[in-house]
Protein backbone atom coordinates (compact mmCIF):
# COMPACT_ATOMS: atom_id res chain seq x y z
CA MET A 1 101.51 98.98 97.16
CA SER A 2 104.77 97.66 95.80
CA PHE A 3 106.53 101.01 96.49
CA TYR A 4 105.79 100.86 100.20
CA ALA A 5 106.72 97.21 100.47
CA THR A 6 109.98 97.97 98.70
CA ILE A 7 110.80 100.75 101.20
CA ILE A 8 110.16 98.37 104.08
CA SER A 9 112.30 95.67 102.49
CA LEU A 10 115.15 98.13 102.01
CA ALA A 11 114.94 98.94 105.71
CA ASP A 12 115.81 95.31 106.41
CA GLU A 13 119.26 95.70 104.87
CA LYS A 14 122.36 96.66 106.95
CA SER A 15 124.95 99.22 105.91
CA TYR A 16 128.12 98.54 107.81
CA LEU A 17 129.84 101.57 106.33
CA ILE A 18 127.13 103.90 107.66
CA GLN A 19 127.44 102.30 111.07
CA PHE A 20 131.21 102.81 110.98
CA CYS A 21 130.85 106.48 110.06
CA TYR A 22 128.33 106.95 112.84
CA LEU A 23 130.78 105.51 115.38
CA ILE A 24 133.52 107.82 114.09
CA PHE A 25 131.19 110.80 114.50
CA ILE A 26 130.46 109.82 118.11
CA PHE A 27 134.19 109.36 118.77
CA LEU A 28 135.04 112.82 117.41
CA SER A 29 132.22 114.42 119.38
CA ILE A 30 133.52 112.92 122.61
CA GLN A 31 137.06 114.04 121.85
CA PHE A 32 135.90 117.58 121.13
CA SER A 33 133.92 117.70 124.36
CA GLN A 34 137.01 116.62 126.30
CA GLY A 35 139.28 119.14 124.60
CA ALA A 36 141.44 116.46 123.03
CA PHE A 37 142.35 118.57 120.00
CA ARG A 38 144.71 121.32 121.06
CA SER A 39 145.53 122.48 117.53
CA MET A 40 144.00 122.49 114.04
CA GLU A 41 147.01 120.58 112.73
CA THR A 42 146.28 117.70 115.09
CA LEU A 43 142.64 117.71 114.04
CA LYS A 44 143.48 117.81 110.32
CA TYR A 45 145.93 114.95 110.70
CA LEU A 46 143.40 112.82 112.59
CA VAL A 47 140.62 113.52 110.06
CA LYS A 48 142.97 112.59 107.20
CA GLN A 49 143.90 109.31 108.87
CA ILE A 50 140.28 108.46 109.63
CA SER A 51 139.31 109.25 106.01
CA LEU A 52 141.98 106.90 104.71
CA VAL A 53 140.80 104.15 107.06
CA ALA A 54 137.19 104.75 106.00
CA LEU A 55 138.11 104.50 102.30
CA LEU A 56 140.10 101.35 102.92
CA LEU A 57 137.24 99.83 104.89
CA ALA A 58 134.77 100.77 102.14
CA GLY A 59 136.96 99.05 99.56
CA ILE A 60 137.24 95.92 101.66
CA LEU A 61 133.47 95.86 102.23
CA MET A 62 132.79 96.22 98.52
CA LEU A 63 135.19 93.41 97.66
CA TRP A 64 133.58 91.20 100.29
CA GLU A 65 129.90 92.12 100.38
CA ILE A 66 129.09 92.47 96.68
CA PRO A 67 130.16 88.94 95.64
CA HIS A 68 128.76 87.60 98.91
CA TYR A 69 125.43 89.36 98.31
CA HIS A 70 125.29 88.18 94.73
CA GLN A 71 126.00 84.61 95.79
CA ASN A 72 123.23 84.69 98.39
CA ALA A 73 120.71 86.35 96.11
CA MET A 74 121.40 83.95 93.27
CA SER A 75 121.81 80.86 95.43
CA HIS A 76 119.29 79.10 93.23
CA SER A 77 120.99 80.07 89.98
CA ASP A 78 121.45 76.45 88.93
CA ALA A 79 117.70 76.03 89.06
CA VAL A 80 116.87 79.37 87.49
CA PRO A 81 119.14 80.14 84.51
CA MET A 82 118.13 83.81 84.05
CA LEU A 83 114.54 82.60 84.26
CA GLY A 84 113.29 84.11 81.02
CA ASN A 85 110.47 85.89 82.80
CA LYS A 86 111.15 89.50 81.74
CA LEU A 87 111.74 90.73 85.28
CA PRO A 88 114.71 93.06 85.91
CA SER A 89 117.69 91.20 87.31
CA TYR A 90 117.71 93.17 90.57
CA GLU A 91 114.07 92.20 91.18
CA ILE A 92 114.91 88.55 90.55
CA GLN A 93 117.75 88.76 93.06
CA THR A 94 115.51 90.41 95.66
CA PHE A 95 112.82 87.79 95.13
CA LEU A 96 115.32 84.94 95.47
CA ARG A 97 116.62 86.44 98.69
CA HIS A 98 113.10 86.78 100.07
CA ILE A 99 112.37 83.16 99.19
CA ASP A 100 115.13 82.27 101.64
CA THR A 101 114.42 84.87 104.31
CA ARG A 102 110.65 85.51 104.27
CA LEU A 103 108.78 82.67 102.56
CA PRO A 104 109.67 80.01 105.19
CA TYR A 105 107.52 81.87 107.74
CA TYR A 106 104.40 81.51 105.58
CA ARG A 107 104.96 78.49 103.35
CA GLU A 108 102.89 76.12 105.49
CA GLU A 109 100.01 78.61 105.55
CA PHE A 110 100.04 78.82 101.73
CA GLN A 111 100.08 75.04 101.51
CA GLU A 112 97.20 74.75 103.97
CA ALA A 113 95.22 77.29 101.93
CA GLU A 114 95.76 75.16 98.82
CA LYS A 115 94.26 72.15 100.60
CA LYS A 116 91.14 74.15 101.48
CA THR A 117 90.60 76.02 98.20
CA GLY A 118 92.37 74.03 95.50
CA VAL A 119 94.36 77.09 94.44
CA PRO A 120 98.05 76.08 94.02
CA TRP A 121 100.11 77.34 96.92
CA THR A 122 102.83 78.61 94.61
CA LEU A 123 100.26 80.83 92.90
CA LEU A 124 99.00 82.11 96.25
CA ALA A 125 102.57 82.82 97.33
CA ALA A 126 103.21 84.70 94.07
CA VAL A 127 100.07 86.79 94.57
CA ALA A 128 101.12 87.61 98.14
CA TYR A 129 104.58 88.62 96.98
CA GLN A 130 103.19 90.92 94.31
CA GLU A 131 100.80 92.42 96.85
CA SER A 132 103.05 92.87 99.88
CA LYS A 133 106.54 91.42 99.24
CA TRP A 134 105.58 88.90 101.97
CA ASN A 135 105.42 91.70 104.52
CA ARG A 136 102.71 90.89 107.05
CA HIS A 137 102.52 94.54 108.17
CA ALA A 138 102.06 96.01 104.69
CA VAL A 139 99.54 98.84 104.48
CA SER A 140 98.71 100.97 101.44
CA PRO A 141 97.36 104.57 101.35
CA THR A 142 94.05 103.20 100.03
CA GLY A 143 93.54 101.13 103.17
CA VAL A 144 94.25 97.61 101.93
CA ARG A 145 96.58 95.72 104.23
CA GLY A 146 98.23 92.46 105.18
CA LEU A 147 100.08 89.78 103.20
CA MET A 148 97.26 89.45 100.66
CA MET A 149 96.33 93.16 100.83
CA LEU A 150 92.63 92.65 101.48
CA THR A 151 90.24 95.60 101.48
CA ARG A 152 88.15 96.22 104.59
CA SER A 153 84.94 95.27 102.77
CA THR A 154 86.40 92.04 101.33
CA ALA A 155 87.78 91.05 104.71
CA SER A 156 84.40 91.71 106.31
CA GLU A 157 82.64 89.51 103.75
CA LEU A 158 85.16 86.76 104.49
CA GLY A 159 84.68 87.08 108.23
CA ILE A 160 88.21 88.40 108.85
CA GLN A 161 88.64 90.96 111.62
CA ASN A 162 92.42 91.25 111.72
CA ARG A 163 93.82 91.63 108.22
CA LEU A 164 97.38 91.78 109.58
CA ASP A 165 97.14 88.21 110.87
CA PRO A 166 99.19 86.26 108.28
CA ALA A 167 97.19 83.03 108.55
CA LYS A 168 93.86 84.81 108.21
CA SER A 169 95.12 87.02 105.39
CA ILE A 170 96.40 84.05 103.39
CA SER A 171 93.26 82.02 104.02
CA GLY A 172 91.04 84.97 103.11
CA GLY A 173 92.99 85.85 99.98
CA ALA A 174 92.89 82.23 98.83
CA ARG A 175 89.13 82.02 99.38
CA TYR A 176 88.57 85.31 97.58
CA LEU A 177 90.70 84.27 94.58
CA SER A 178 88.88 80.93 94.46
CA HIS A 179 85.56 82.80 94.52
CA LEU A 180 86.63 85.02 91.61
CA HIS A 181 87.83 81.97 89.69
CA LYS A 182 84.40 80.39 90.03
CA ARG A 183 82.69 83.58 88.85
CA VAL A 184 84.59 83.59 85.54
CA PRO A 185 82.23 82.24 82.85
CA SER A 186 82.47 78.48 82.36
CA GLU A 187 83.31 78.76 78.64
CA ILE A 188 86.67 80.31 79.55
CA ARG A 189 89.24 77.56 79.97
CA MET A 190 92.46 77.35 81.92
CA PRO A 191 94.89 79.00 82.12
CA ASP A 192 92.96 82.03 80.79
CA ARG A 193 90.35 81.49 83.48
CA MET A 194 92.86 81.92 86.29
CA PHE A 195 94.55 84.89 84.58
CA MET A 196 91.19 86.65 84.49
CA ALA A 197 90.53 85.80 88.13
CA LEU A 198 93.92 87.27 89.06
CA ALA A 199 93.17 90.42 87.09
CA ALA A 200 89.83 90.70 88.88
CA TYR A 201 91.63 90.36 92.24
CA ASN A 202 93.51 93.50 91.25
CA VAL A 203 91.06 95.67 89.34
CA GLY A 204 87.67 94.26 90.35
CA PHE A 205 85.32 91.80 88.69
CA GLY A 206 83.11 94.54 87.26
CA HIS A 207 85.94 96.06 85.26
CA MET A 208 86.85 92.63 83.95
CA LYS A 209 83.30 92.28 82.66
CA ASP A 210 83.70 95.67 80.99
CA ALA A 211 86.95 94.52 79.38
CA ARG A 212 85.25 91.44 77.95
CA LEU A 213 82.40 93.57 76.62
CA LEU A 214 84.83 95.99 75.01
CA ALA A 215 86.84 93.11 73.53
CA GLU A 216 83.72 91.82 71.80
CA ARG A 217 82.99 95.29 70.42
CA LEU A 218 86.50 95.46 69.01
CA GLY A 219 86.24 92.06 67.38
CA LYS A 220 88.60 90.31 69.81
CA ASP A 221 88.15 87.01 71.62
CA SER A 222 86.79 87.82 75.09
CA THR A 223 87.64 84.33 76.33
CA LYS A 224 91.39 84.71 75.75
CA TRP A 225 93.72 86.51 78.12
CA ASP A 226 96.08 87.46 75.27
CA ASP A 227 93.24 89.49 73.74
CA LEU A 228 91.98 90.93 77.03
CA LYS A 229 95.40 92.20 78.06
CA GLN A 230 95.38 94.33 74.91
CA VAL A 231 91.94 95.70 75.73
CA LEU A 232 92.30 96.37 79.46
CA PRO A 233 94.53 99.47 79.07
CA LEU A 234 91.76 101.07 77.00
CA LEU A 235 89.59 101.26 80.14
CA SER A 236 91.53 104.38 81.14
CA LYS A 237 90.58 106.21 77.92
CA LYS A 238 87.32 108.13 77.95
CA GLU A 239 86.31 107.24 74.41
CA TYR A 240 86.27 103.58 75.44
CA TYR A 241 85.05 103.60 79.05
CA GLU A 242 82.35 106.30 78.95
CA ASP A 243 79.59 103.94 77.83
CA LEU A 244 80.73 100.91 79.85
CA PRO A 245 78.81 99.94 83.03
CA HIS A 246 81.75 100.40 85.44
CA ARG A 247 83.46 103.19 83.49
CA TYR A 248 87.04 104.27 84.26
CA ALA A 249 89.73 101.86 85.44
CA ARG A 250 93.53 101.86 85.46
CA GLY A 251 93.50 98.99 83.03
CA SER A 252 97.26 98.74 82.54
CA GLU A 253 97.73 97.73 86.18
CA PRO A 254 96.04 94.29 86.03
CA VAL A 255 98.03 93.47 82.89
CA GLN A 256 101.31 94.08 84.71
CA TYR A 257 99.90 92.49 87.86
CA VAL A 258 99.21 89.16 86.13
CA LYS A 259 102.52 89.28 84.24
CA ARG A 260 104.52 89.70 87.43
CA ILE A 261 102.63 87.03 89.35
CA ARG A 262 103.26 84.57 86.54
CA ALA A 263 106.95 85.45 86.60
CA TYR A 264 107.23 85.05 90.38
CA ARG A 265 105.41 81.74 90.29
CA LYS A 266 107.64 80.45 87.49
CA ILE A 267 110.74 81.19 89.56
CA LEU A 268 109.24 79.59 92.64
CA GLN A 269 108.23 76.44 90.76
CA GLN A 270 111.71 76.05 89.28
CA ILE A 271 113.29 76.38 92.71
CA ILE A 272 110.92 73.76 94.17
CA VAL A 273 111.85 71.36 91.37
CA GLN A 274 115.52 71.98 92.12
CA GLU A 275 114.96 71.39 95.83
CA SER A 276 113.29 68.07 95.10
CA LYS A 277 116.36 66.96 93.10
CA SER A 278 118.85 67.97 95.77
CA PRO A 279 120.39 64.99 97.56
CA GLN A 280 119.19 64.57 101.14
CA VAL A 281 121.93 64.22 103.73
CA GLU A 282 121.18 61.72 106.49
CA VAL A 283 122.21 62.76 109.95
């Protein structure tokens, strides 16, 4: 799903240079239709001048927009000194920008979901970002949709009719994650318990049971996420999955899924701490 959400997020950006070129094209079309160019020399001269102006404008835009964009994207840099979360820098910058531009629309809904389920709102927000980039209209080719990318069957079990409703999607995703967390065997302690619940949100609880079974066969600790994340990728190899109850799974995906959610949540938590330390200005 992240590919489609990324395409949508790119559509949000504005290219002033493209707009300028488009206006120039319209201008030239009008001039041609009115017979303004009586000779090729006049046309060549005008095109040359316009090209020089376009290059100059592009240079000015680069000098202005790039530092300006970097400043906006890294506006929380004091709170997040390179973050140490193994995400590419451009993804960190995009995430920071979306914290400013998208999260405010849904923050209260995440906080309300925490009150009802006990799942930290920052974790729910991180899950939603991994699922949809906080795009309420997100839809994947497999049919999952909404902020929390619920399947039709999961939404039906949760009593949700409109998966594109942000409040219902967040509430439903929080309840579903809480349900998965409770299904994880009691001998598994935090934070491994929540990591396994997150992985189950992505790949399904049945495949997580298979991963634990395979871990035990391989002499690993099935109660530790560090061991399970080594085993999960094996679920895509026939020699390992063919005699497991739920068989094949793209086991590498939940490993990356959990890793990225942890990284997003870490950034978000650091920013919240920084916000709490910022001096409040009385008006």
